[in-house]
């Protein structure tokens, strides 16, 4: 007698064909996003691990092939709803040229499309391999400022507790044996991303209970942060005690990776003590309940609906981009703003904004007061030319002449309304005099003012979606520190209307 399940054994060939077709379809419409993600894998050491994430996900699926083969895939149409949300998320990211957002959305499209084709029951079995694909998204740079600040805080405090006097200013500090600075490479973001990726995979393979898995992932998140603090302290102490013969130059990076590797090995060795025996494939297959075949017409109808939803984002984006027109931008700064008169700039510093459509710089004087003004204007933005990006900064980390020693926020009356400015303190590193400037920065997004990067991105996306273009500008005003308290508020109050009028004239053309 034949067992009933043998007559119902699932036929996976149509489902695998549908998955291959939908992946090719996503690749066709979102090739630019996938290509940009691959370029980051190759270019950045921080995200090189992304290359091996898809093969690992495939191996995890293959590893569980016996249980999956016994399950009945069943296409589910309601997955088109979250799929539509991801398409809209991609559209927002593409309109504002946010790589992380578009790449996250495309990986989400891949995951959600597969879930829609195989159905909810099979998706639960594929949950971790599909979730693991998100580690391929190169995201984490937004953590750099906070991680650098934490590293500097811990290092300075630990050095002081070691009995060594420290003078700190921003991310730079001085001890009797030399000068030290916490830069991007010292933030530990590479250790954090590497530990979280490997730790999550280790937790899945080593444990079966959700509690232990989440606990180990949390440990994998915290350990690299603390390890990086200890690494920074160790390097400073090695340099100090050796007269800067050790832990100098490239050495401190090598020492850092060796120390991090030892910490991770210890973390895995300790985690192995609580390892759980994985359930055998045969046992898992017995727990699987087979369902009746689904009618092919319904499956392919759902497949067609998913394909239509996937294509809507790029098609609408092309429609919006065709509405943009290139125009000659004549950006001019006011010669007179209230009692302020324009003159040549007396400071050899300029913000580093990449490829603006137009930029202008000027200085203004009123009696004994003087301020500087810089505006970078952007129109028809793309991934190579955009206003809000980590590459656009007041001072680069390797600038030989200038450095930022403090960041904060302040309020001032700009063009008749109260506005929050990002405030930075700028120090000239060369020269005997203590030359410092206070810098105020805000964004102008199609008539709206904001000091927030996130709000600026959303305003740009909304402006594009509503057909008003993406005209945007950075407004940067600065003055010597000893007179900035009175001169900067006075200037923005008197010159605000003139600056906004100049920007609005460009937008209206």
Protein backbone atom coordinates (compact mmCIF):
# COMPACT_ATOMS: atom_id res chain seq x y z
CA UNK A 1 0.00 0.00 0.00
CA UNK A 2 1.25 3.44 -0.91
CA UNK A 3 1.48 6.13 1.77
CA UNK A 4 -0.84 9.10 0.99
CA UNK A 5 2.00 11.56 1.36
CA UNK A 6 3.83 9.94 -1.54
CA UNK A 7 1.03 10.96 -3.90
CA UNK A 8 1.19 14.51 -2.61
CA UNK A 9 4.96 14.99 -2.64
CA UNK A 10 5.52 18.60 -3.74
CA UNK A 11 6.66 19.48 -7.22
CA UNK A 12 9.16 22.31 -6.76
CA UNK A 13 10.10 22.79 -10.43
CA UNK A 14 7.43 25.43 -11.27
CA UNK A 15 8.25 27.30 -8.06
CA UNK A 16 12.00 27.31 -8.73
CA UNK A 17 11.32 28.48 -12.27
CA UNK A 18 9.17 31.31 -10.92
CA UNK A 19 11.86 32.32 -8.41
CA UNK A 20 14.52 32.40 -11.13
CA UNK A 21 12.21 34.48 -13.35
CA UNK A 22 11.38 37.01 -10.62
CA UNK A 23 15.07 37.41 -9.71
CA UNK A 24 15.92 38.10 -13.34
CA UNK A 25 13.02 40.57 -13.48
CA UNK A 26 14.32 42.41 -10.40
CA UNK A 27 17.82 42.38 -11.87
CA UNK A 28 16.54 43.98 -15.07
CA UNK A 29 14.69 46.86 -13.40
CA UNK A 30 17.10 47.46 -10.51
CA UNK A 31 20.43 46.63 -12.10
CA UNK A 32 21.85 50.09 -11.31
CA UNK A 33 21.18 49.64 -7.60
CA UNK A 34 22.63 46.12 -7.52
CA UNK A 35 25.70 47.27 -9.46
CA UNK A 36 26.27 50.19 -7.07
CA UNK A 37 26.08 47.80 -4.12
CA UNK A 38 28.64 45.45 -5.72
CA UNK A 39 30.98 48.38 -6.39
CA UNK A 40 30.91 49.27 -2.68
CA UNK A 41 31.76 45.66 -1.79
CA UNK A 42 34.84 45.81 -3.99
CA UNK A 43 35.87 49.36 -3.09
CA UNK A 44 35.37 49.48 0.68
CA UNK A 45 37.14 47.17 3.11
CA UNK A 46 34.35 47.81 5.62
CA UNK A 47 31.76 46.12 3.39
CA UNK A 48 33.83 43.47 1.59
CA UNK A 49 31.91 40.80 3.51
CA UNK A 50 28.88 41.59 1.33
CA UNK A 51 30.42 39.53 -1.46
CA UNK A 52 30.04 36.28 0.48
CA UNK A 53 26.62 36.97 2.01
CA UNK A 54 24.53 35.64 -0.97
CA UNK A 55 26.61 32.42 -1.25
CA UNK A 56 26.24 31.85 2.50
CA UNK A 57 22.45 32.34 2.25
CA UNK A 58 22.32 29.81 -0.62
CA UNK A 59 24.40 27.35 1.41
CA UNK A 60 22.04 27.71 4.37
CA UNK A 61 19.10 26.89 2.11
CA UNK A 62 20.93 23.93 0.55
CA UNK A 63 21.85 22.71 4.04
CA UNK A 64 18.13 22.49 4.86
CA UNK A 65 17.08 21.06 1.49
CA UNK A 66 15.54 17.82 2.85
CA UNK A 67 13.04 19.63 5.04
CA UNK A 68 12.24 22.17 2.31
CA UNK A 69 11.75 19.42 -0.29
CA UNK A 70 9.01 17.92 1.88
CA UNK A 71 7.10 21.21 2.09
CA UNK A 72 4.47 22.44 -0.35
CA UNK A 73 5.16 25.92 -1.78
CA UNK A 74 2.02 27.97 -2.24
CA UNK A 75 2.08 31.42 -3.83
CA UNK A 76 0.37 34.08 -1.72
CA UNK A 77 -0.96 37.26 -3.29
CA UNK A 78 -1.06 39.53 -0.23
CA UNK A 79 2.75 39.74 -0.29
CA UNK A 80 2.22 42.28 -3.09
CA UNK A 81 1.28 44.85 -0.42
CA UNK A 82 4.63 44.93 1.46
CA UNK A 83 6.29 44.59 -1.94
CA UNK A 84 4.60 47.83 -3.03
CA UNK A 85 5.87 49.50 0.16
CA UNK A 86 9.44 48.45 -0.66
CA UNK A 87 9.06 49.76 -4.23
CA UNK A 88 7.97 53.13 -2.81
CA UNK A 89 10.92 53.05 -0.38
CA UNK A 90 13.26 52.43 -3.31
CA UNK A 91 11.67 55.32 -5.20
CA UNK A 92 12.24 57.69 -2.27
CA UNK A 93 15.84 56.55 -1.98
CA UNK A 94 16.50 56.93 -5.69
CA UNK A 95 14.95 60.40 -5.89
CA UNK A 96 17.13 61.56 -2.99
CA UNK A 97 20.21 59.54 -4.08
CA UNK A 98 20.44 57.58 -0.81
CA UNK A 99 22.34 54.40 -1.66
CA UNK A 100 21.60 52.63 1.62
CA UNK A 101 17.85 53.14 1.20
CA UNK A 102 17.68 51.92 -2.41
CA UNK A 103 19.91 48.93 -1.69
CA UNK A 104 17.96 47.96 1.41
CA UNK A 105 14.73 48.20 -0.60
CA UNK A 106 16.07 46.03 -3.45
CA UNK A 107 17.23 43.31 -1.06
CA UNK A 108 13.78 43.57 0.53
CA UNK A 109 12.22 43.14 -2.92
CA UNK A 110 14.22 39.95 -3.44
CA UNK A 111 13.23 38.59 -0.04
CA UNK A 112 9.56 39.56 -0.28
CA UNK A 113 9.20 38.26 -3.85
CA UNK A 114 10.56 34.86 -2.86
CA UNK A 115 8.22 34.79 0.15
CA UNK A 116 5.29 35.65 -2.09
CA UNK A 117 6.10 32.80 -4.46
CA UNK A 118 6.76 30.07 -1.87
CA UNK A 119 4.08 31.15 0.61
CA UNK A 120 4.00 31.72 4.35
CA UNK A 121 4.77 28.19 5.60
CA UNK A 122 7.89 27.76 3.45
CA UNK A 123 8.92 31.35 4.20
CA UNK A 124 9.07 30.53 7.91
CA UNK A 125 11.52 27.74 7.11
CA UNK A 126 13.57 30.12 4.94
CA UNK A 127 13.36 33.01 7.43
CA UNK A 128 17.00 33.15 8.50
CA UNK A 129 18.68 32.67 5.08
CA UNK A 130 16.40 35.37 3.64
CA UNK A 131 16.99 37.69 6.61
CA UNK A 132 20.75 37.12 6.34
CA UNK A 133 20.70 38.67 2.84
CA UNK A 134 20.24 42.11 4.45
CA UNK A 135 23.82 41.90 5.74
CA UNK A 136 24.86 42.41 2.11
CA UNK A 137 23.58 46.00 2.27
CA UNK A 138 26.59 48.28 2.85
CA UNK A 139 25.21 50.44 5.65
CA UNK A 140 26.83 51.69 8.85
CA UNK A 141 28.66 54.91 7.99
CA UNK A 142 25.99 56.91 9.84
CA UNK A 143 27.38 55.42 13.07
CA UNK A 144 30.84 56.92 12.53
CA UNK A 145 30.40 60.22 14.47
CA UNK A 146 28.85 58.54 17.50
CA UNK A 147 31.38 55.68 17.59
CA UNK A 148 34.27 58.14 17.23
CA UNK A 149 32.93 60.21 20.10
CA UNK A 150 32.51 57.16 22.35
CA UNK A 151 36.03 55.95 21.51
CA UNK A 152 37.52 59.35 22.29
CA UNK A 153 35.55 59.57 25.58
CA UNK A 154 36.73 56.16 26.78
CA UNK A 155 40.34 56.58 25.63
CA UNK A 156 40.79 59.98 27.25
CA UNK A 157 39.21 58.84 30.52
CA UNK A 158 41.26 55.61 30.60
CA UNK A 159 44.52 57.46 29.90
CA UNK A 160 43.74 59.93 32.70
CA UNK A 161 43.02 57.05 35.10
CA UNK A 162 46.45 55.67 34.13
CA UNK A 163 47.99 58.82 35.60
CA UNK A 164 48.77 60.59 32.31
CA UNK A 165 47.55 64.20 31.90
CA UNK A 166 45.38 64.74 28.82
CA UNK A 167 44.18 67.88 27.07
CA UNK A 168 41.23 67.15 24.79
CA UNK A 169 39.55 69.26 22.12
CA UNK A 170 36.91 67.54 20.02
CA UNK A 171 38.28 64.22 18.76
CA UNK A 172 41.87 65.39 19.24
CA UNK A 173 43.86 65.10 22.45
CA UNK A 174 47.38 65.75 23.61
CA UNK A 175 49.47 63.83 26.15
CA UNK A 176 53.09 64.61 27.16
CA UNK A 177 54.49 62.22 24.55
CA UNK A 178 52.51 63.47 21.55
CA UNK A 179 49.29 64.30 19.74
CA UNK A 180 46.52 61.78 19.04
CA UNK A 181 43.32 61.99 17.02
CA UNK A 182 40.30 59.72 16.68
CA UNK A 183 39.51 59.51 12.96
CA UNK A 184 37.12 57.36 10.92
CA UNK A 185 39.44 54.33 10.95
CA UNK A 186 39.47 54.46 14.77
CA UNK A 187 35.67 54.40 15.10
CA UNK A 188 35.50 50.61 15.14
CA UNK A 189 32.65 50.45 12.64
CA UNK A 190 34.51 47.75 10.69
CA UNK A 191 34.84 45.61 13.80
CA UNK A 192 31.19 46.18 14.64
CA UNK A 193 29.85 45.18 11.22
CA UNK A 194 32.16 42.17 10.94
CA UNK A 195 31.31 40.94 14.44
CA UNK A 196 27.56 41.40 13.98
CA UNK A 197 27.54 39.56 10.64
CA UNK A 198 29.66 36.61 11.77
CA UNK A 199 28.07 36.55 15.23
CA UNK A 200 24.55 36.35 13.80
CA UNK A 201 25.52 33.44 11.55
CA UNK A 202 27.28 31.72 14.44
CA UNK A 203 24.23 32.12 16.68
CA UNK A 204 21.97 30.54 14.04
CA UNK A 205 24.28 27.56 13.48
CA UNK A 206 25.13 26.99 17.16
CA UNK A 207 21.81 27.49 18.95
CA UNK A 208 18.22 26.42 18.33
CA UNK A 209 16.35 28.50 20.92
CA UNK A 210 15.47 32.06 19.99
CA UNK A 211 16.52 33.37 23.41
CA UNK A 212 20.09 32.09 23.11
CA UNK A 213 20.39 33.28 19.54
CA UNK A 214 19.28 36.82 20.41
CA UNK A 215 21.51 36.88 23.48
CA UNK A 216 24.59 35.94 21.46
CA UNK A 217 23.74 38.49 18.75
CA UNK A 218 23.51 41.17 21.45
CA UNK A 219 26.92 40.09 22.77
CA UNK A 220 28.32 40.21 19.22
CA UNK A 221 27.00 43.78 18.98
CA UNK A 222 28.46 45.00 22.27
CA UNK A 223 31.82 43.20 22.34
CA UNK A 224 33.36 44.94 19.28
CA UNK A 225 32.40 48.37 20.65
CA UNK A 226 34.13 47.71 23.98
CA UNK A 227 37.01 45.92 22.23
CA UNK A 228 37.59 48.96 20.05
CA UNK A 229 37.72 51.20 23.13
CA UNK A 230 40.33 48.93 24.69
CA UNK A 231 42.22 48.78 21.38
CA UNK A 232 42.41 52.59 21.19
CA UNK A 233 43.58 52.83 24.80
CA UNK A 234 46.17 50.08 24.24
CA UNK A 235 47.56 51.82 21.16
CA UNK A 236 47.89 55.19 22.93
CA UNK A 237 49.64 53.56 25.89
CA UNK A 238 51.97 51.54 23.63
CA UNK A 239 52.91 54.72 21.81
CA UNK A 240 53.40 56.66 25.03
CA UNK A 241 55.48 54.00 26.82
CA UNK A 242 57.66 53.27 23.76
CA UNK A 243 58.36 56.90 22.92
CA UNK A 244 56.09 56.56 19.85
CA UNK A 245 58.26 53.77 18.40
CA UNK A 246 55.42 51.24 18.66
CA UNK A 247 51.80 51.57 17.51
CA UNK A 248 52.70 54.34 15.07
CA UNK A 249 51.58 54.61 11.45
CA UNK A 250 50.17 51.42 9.96
CA UNK A 251 51.27 49.41 13.00
CA UNK A 252 48.34 50.54 15.12
CA UNK A 253 45.88 49.24 12.51
CA UNK A 254 47.64 45.86 12.44
CA UNK A 255 47.69 45.67 16.22
CA UNK A 256 44.03 46.60 16.24
CA UNK A 257 42.97 43.76 13.94
CA UNK A 258 45.12 41.23 15.85
CA UNK A 259 43.54 42.32 19.14
CA UNK A 260 40.05 42.24 17.64
CA UNK A 261 40.65 38.75 16.20
CA UNK A 262 41.70 37.43 19.61
CA UNK A 263 38.62 38.96 21.25
CA UNK A 264 36.26 37.42 18.67
CA UNK A 265 37.86 33.95 19.01
CA UNK A 266 37.42 34.15 22.78
CA UNK A 267 33.79 35.26 22.32
CA UNK A 268 33.05 32.28 20.06
CA UNK A 269 34.85 29.86 22.38
CA UNK A 270 32.76 31.02 25.33
CA UNK A 271 29.57 30.89 23.24
CA UNK A 272 30.32 27.29 22.24
CA UNK A 273 29.93 26.18 25.87
CA UNK A 274 26.17 26.73 25.58
CA UNK A 275 25.81 25.18 22.11
CA UNK A 276 22.57 23.31 21.45
CA UNK A 277 22.25 20.17 19.38
CA UNK A 278 20.52 21.01 16.09
CA UNK A 279 17.41 19.07 15.14
CA UNK A 280 18.13 16.40 12.56
CA UNK A 281 16.82 16.96 9.05
CA UNK A 282 14.75 13.77 9.12
CA UNK A 283 13.05 14.82 12.37
CA UNK A 284 12.24 18.23 10.97
CA UNK A 285 10.82 16.70 7.82
CA UNK A 286 8.46 14.54 9.92
CA UNK A 287 7.07 17.69 11.53
CA UNK A 288 6.15 19.09 8.15
CA UNK A 289 2.54 18.87 7.04
CA UNK A 290 2.03 18.44 3.34
CA UNK A 291 -0.75 20.37 1.66
CA UNK A 292 -2.63 19.88 -1.59
CA UNK A 293 -1.22 21.13 -4.86
CA UNK A 294 -2.12 24.66 -5.83
CA UNK A 295 -3.62 25.25 -9.22
CA UNK A 296 -0.98 26.59 -11.63
CA UNK A 297 -3.19 29.41 -13.07
CA UNK A 298 -3.53 31.02 -9.63
CA UNK A 299 0.23 30.74 -8.97
CA UNK A 300 1.17 32.42 -12.24
CA UNK A 301 -1.48 35.10 -11.76
CA UNK A 302 0.12 35.98 -8.43
CA UNK A 303 3.53 35.88 -10.09
CA UNK A 304 2.29 38.37 -12.71
CA UNK A 305 0.93 40.72 -10.05
CA UNK A 306 4.27 40.69 -8.21
CA UNK A 307 6.11 41.44 -11.44
CA UNK A 308 3.85 44.41 -12.19
CA UNK A 309 4.35 45.87 -8.72
CA UNK A 310 8.14 45.48 -9.01
CA UNK A 311 8.28 47.41 -12.29
CA UNK A 312 6.19 50.39 -11.13
CA UNK A 313 9.00 52.08 -9.17
CA UNK A 314 11.59 52.40 -11.96
CA UNK A 315 8.89 53.33 -14.50
CA UNK A 316 7.58 56.18 -12.34
CA UNK A 317 11.12 57.31 -11.55
CA UNK A 318 11.86 57.62 -15.27
CA UNK A 319 8.70 59.69 -15.68
CA UNK A 320 9.79 62.09 -12.93
CA UNK A 321 13.34 62.40 -14.26
CA UNK A 322 12.07 63.24 -17.75
CA UNK A 323 10.20 66.18 -16.24
CA UNK A 324 13.48 67.70 -15.00
CA UNK A 325 15.07 70.29 -17.25
CA UNK A 326 18.65 71.48 -17.18
CA UNK A 327 18.99 75.23 -16.84
CA UNK A 328 21.87 77.64 -16.46
CA UNK A 329 22.08 78.61 -12.79
CA UNK A 330 23.04 82.18 -12.10
CA UNK A 331 23.70 82.18 -8.38
CA UNK A 332 24.50 85.63 -7.03
CA UNK A 333 25.01 86.78 -3.47
CA UNK A 334 23.63 90.13 -2.32
CA UNK A 335 26.14 93.02 -2.46
CA UNK A 336 24.36 94.77 0.39
CA UNK A 337 22.33 93.11 3.16
CA UNK A 338 20.97 95.66 5.59
CA UNK A 339 24.01 97.44 7.00
CA UNK A 340 26.36 94.70 5.77
CA UNK A 341 28.49 95.32 2.66
CA UNK A 342 30.22 92.66 0.59
CA UNK A 343 34.02 92.49 0.41
CA UNK A 344 36.73 89.96 -0.46
CA UNK A 345 37.03 87.04 1.91
CA UNK A 346 39.90 87.24 4.39
CA UNK A 347 39.95 83.55 5.39
CA UNK A 348 41.59 80.77 3.34
CA UNK A 349 38.94 78.18 4.19
CA UNK A 350 36.02 76.89 2.17
CA UNK A 351 33.57 74.04 2.87
CA UNK A 352 34.15 70.88 0.86
CA UNK A 353 30.99 70.31 -1.21
CA UNK A 354 31.35 68.02 -4.22
CA UNK A 355 30.11 69.00 -7.69
CA UNK A 356 27.48 71.63 -6.88
CA UNK A 357 25.50 73.03 -9.79
CA UNK A 358 26.72 76.45 -8.63
CA UNK A 359 28.57 77.82 -5.62
CA UNK A 360 29.44 81.30 -4.38
CA UNK A 361 31.52 82.65 -1.52
CA UNK A 362 31.72 86.16 -0.12
CA UNK A 363 32.50 88.14 3.04
CA UNK A 364 30.57 91.02 4.62
CA UNK A 365 31.55 93.84 6.95
CA UNK A 366 29.59 96.19 9.18
CA UNK A 367 31.63 98.64 11.24
CA UNK A 368 33.93 96.34 13.27
CA UNK A 369 32.04 93.16 12.50
CA UNK A 370 32.79 90.72 9.67
CA UNK A 371 31.23 87.44 8.55
CA UNK A 372 31.66 85.02 5.66
CA UNK A 373 28.95 83.44 3.50
CA UNK A 374 29.15 80.30 1.34
CA UNK A 375 26.28 78.82 -0.68
CA UNK A 376 26.39 75.56 -2.67
CA UNK A 377 23.36 75.14 -4.99
CA UNK A 378 22.25 71.74 -6.34
CA UNK A 379 19.77 70.97 -9.11
CA UNK A 380 18.89 67.69 -10.89
CA UNK A 381 20.72 65.71 -8.24
CA UNK A 382 22.03 62.18 -8.73
CA UNK A 383 24.40 59.76 -7.02
CA UNK A 384 27.45 61.72 -8.19
CA UNK A 385 26.03 65.19 -7.44
CA UNK A 386 23.87 65.58 -4.34
CA UNK A 387 23.54 68.01 -1.47
CA UNK A 388 23.15 65.75 1.56
CA UNK A 389 25.97 63.22 1.63
CA UNK A 390 28.76 62.26 4.01
CA UNK A 391 31.24 63.51 1.42
CA UNK A 392 30.02 67.11 1.81
CA UNK A 393 31.69 68.42 4.96
CA UNK A 394 33.00 71.61 6.46
CA UNK A 395 36.47 70.08 6.89
CA UNK A 396 37.81 66.73 5.69
CA UNK A 397 39.45 64.44 8.25
CA UNK A 398 42.84 64.75 6.52
CA UNK A 399 42.80 68.54 6.08
CA UNK A 400 46.34 69.75 6.95
CA UNK A 401 45.25 73.26 7.93
CA UNK A 402 41.81 73.13 9.57
CA UNK A 403 39.93 70.92 12.00
CA UNK A 404 36.54 70.86 13.72
CA UNK A 405 36.90 70.86 17.50
CA UNK A 406 33.23 71.12 18.56
CA UNK A 407 29.73 70.54 17.19
CA UNK A 408 26.42 71.72 18.62
CA UNK A 409 23.14 73.44 17.68
CA UNK A 410 21.93 77.00 18.10
CA UNK A 411 18.82 79.06 17.34
CA UNK A 412 18.65 82.35 15.46
CA UNK A 413 16.17 84.54 13.58
CA UNK A 414 16.67 83.92 9.86
CA UNK A 415 14.57 85.81 7.37
CA UNK A 416 11.94 86.67 9.96
CA UNK A 417 11.53 83.17 11.44
CA UNK A 418 13.25 81.26 14.25
CA UNK A 419 15.58 78.61 12.84
CA UNK A 420 17.86 75.90 14.23
CA UNK A 421 21.43 76.00 12.89
CA UNK A 422 24.13 73.38 13.12
CA UNK A 423 27.08 75.07 14.79
CA UNK A 424 30.73 74.03 14.55
CA UNK A 425 33.92 75.48 15.96
CA UNK A 426 36.72 75.66 13.41
CA UNK A 427 40.40 75.75 14.46
CA UNK A 428 43.38 76.65 12.29
CA UNK A 429 46.07 74.11 13.15
CA UNK A 430 49.00 76.05 11.71
CA UNK A 431 50.28 79.40 12.91
CA UNK A 432 51.17 80.69 16.35
CA UNK A 433 47.88 82.53 16.93
CA UNK A 434 44.82 80.70 18.23
CA UNK A 435 42.66 81.34 15.14
CA UNK A 436 39.11 80.03 15.53
CA UNK A 437 35.79 80.52 13.72
CA UNK A 438 32.20 79.70 14.54
CA UNK A 439 30.32 78.19 11.59
CA UNK A 440 26.53 78.02 11.18
CA UNK A 441 25.00 75.66 8.63
CA UNK A 442 21.48 74.98 7.34
CA UNK A 443 19.82 73.55 4.24
CA UNK A 444 17.39 75.27 1.88
CA UNK A 445 15.17 72.67 0.19
CA UNK A 446 12.88 74.20 -2.42
CA UNK A 447 11.91 77.06 -0.12
CA UNK A 448 12.04 75.14 3.18
CA UNK A 449 14.82 75.53 5.76
CA UNK A 450 16.13 72.72 7.96
CA UNK A 451 19.36 71.76 9.70
CA UNK A 452 18.51 68.03 9.67
CA UNK A 453 20.01 65.69 7.06
CA UNK A 454 17.06 63.31 7.33
CA UNK A 455 14.45 66.06 7.01
CA UNK A 456 16.36 67.52 4.07
CA UNK A 457 16.21 64.16 2.30
CA UNK A 458 12.47 63.77 2.94
CA UNK A 459 11.76 67.32 1.77
CA UNK A 460 13.73 66.65 -1.42
CA UNK A 461 11.84 63.41 -2.06
CA UNK A 462 8.47 65.04 -1.44
CA UNK A 463 9.34 67.94 -3.72
CA UNK A 464 10.27 65.49 -6.49
CA UNK A 465 7.15 63.35 -5.99
CA UNK A 466 4.93 66.43 -6.22
CA UNK A 467 6.62 67.61 -9.41
CA UNK A 468 8.47 70.63 -7.97
CA UNK A 469 12.03 69.51 -8.74
CA UNK A 470 14.92 69.01 -6.36
CA UNK A 471 16.43 72.52 -6.10
CA UNK A 472 18.44 72.62 -2.86
CA UNK A 473 21.28 74.55 -1.30
CA UNK A 474 23.62 74.57 1.67
CA UNK A 475 23.85 77.92 3.46
CA UNK A 476 26.99 78.31 5.55
CA UNK A 477 27.80 81.45 7.54
CA UNK A 478 30.91 81.95 9.67
CA UNK A 479 32.68 84.56 11.78
CA UNK A 480 35.72 84.80 14.09
CA UNK A 481 34.97 83.20 17.43
CA UNK A 482 35.60 86.34 19.50
CA UNK A 483 32.90 88.28 17.63
CA UNK A 484 30.60 85.47 16.45
CA UNK A 485 28.22 85.76 19.40
CA UNK A 486 26.98 89.16 18.22
CA UNK A 487 27.88 89.18 14.49
CA UNK A 488 26.33 85.89 13.34
CA UNK A 489 22.83 86.53 14.81
CA UNK A 490 22.93 90.11 13.51
CA UNK A 491 23.91 89.04 10.00
CA UNK A 492 21.38 86.21 9.57
CA UNK A 493 18.62 88.48 10.89
CA UNK A 494 19.44 91.29 8.43
CA UNK A 495 20.65 89.28 5.44
CA UNK A 496 18.26 86.31 5.69
CA UNK A 497 15.59 87.77 3.43
CA UNK A 498 18.14 88.70 0.74
CA UNK A 499 19.69 85.24 0.76
CA UNK A 500 16.31 83.52 0.47
CA UNK A 501 15.25 85.92 -2.29
CA UNK A 502 18.36 84.99 -4.32
CA UNK A 503 17.64 81.27 -3.95
CA UNK A 504 13.93 81.60 -4.75
CA UNK A 505 14.73 83.53 -7.94
CA UNK A 506 16.76 80.58 -9.23
CA UNK A 507 13.99 78.13 -8.37
CA UNK A 508 11.31 80.17 -10.13
CA UNK A 509 13.19 80.33 -13.44
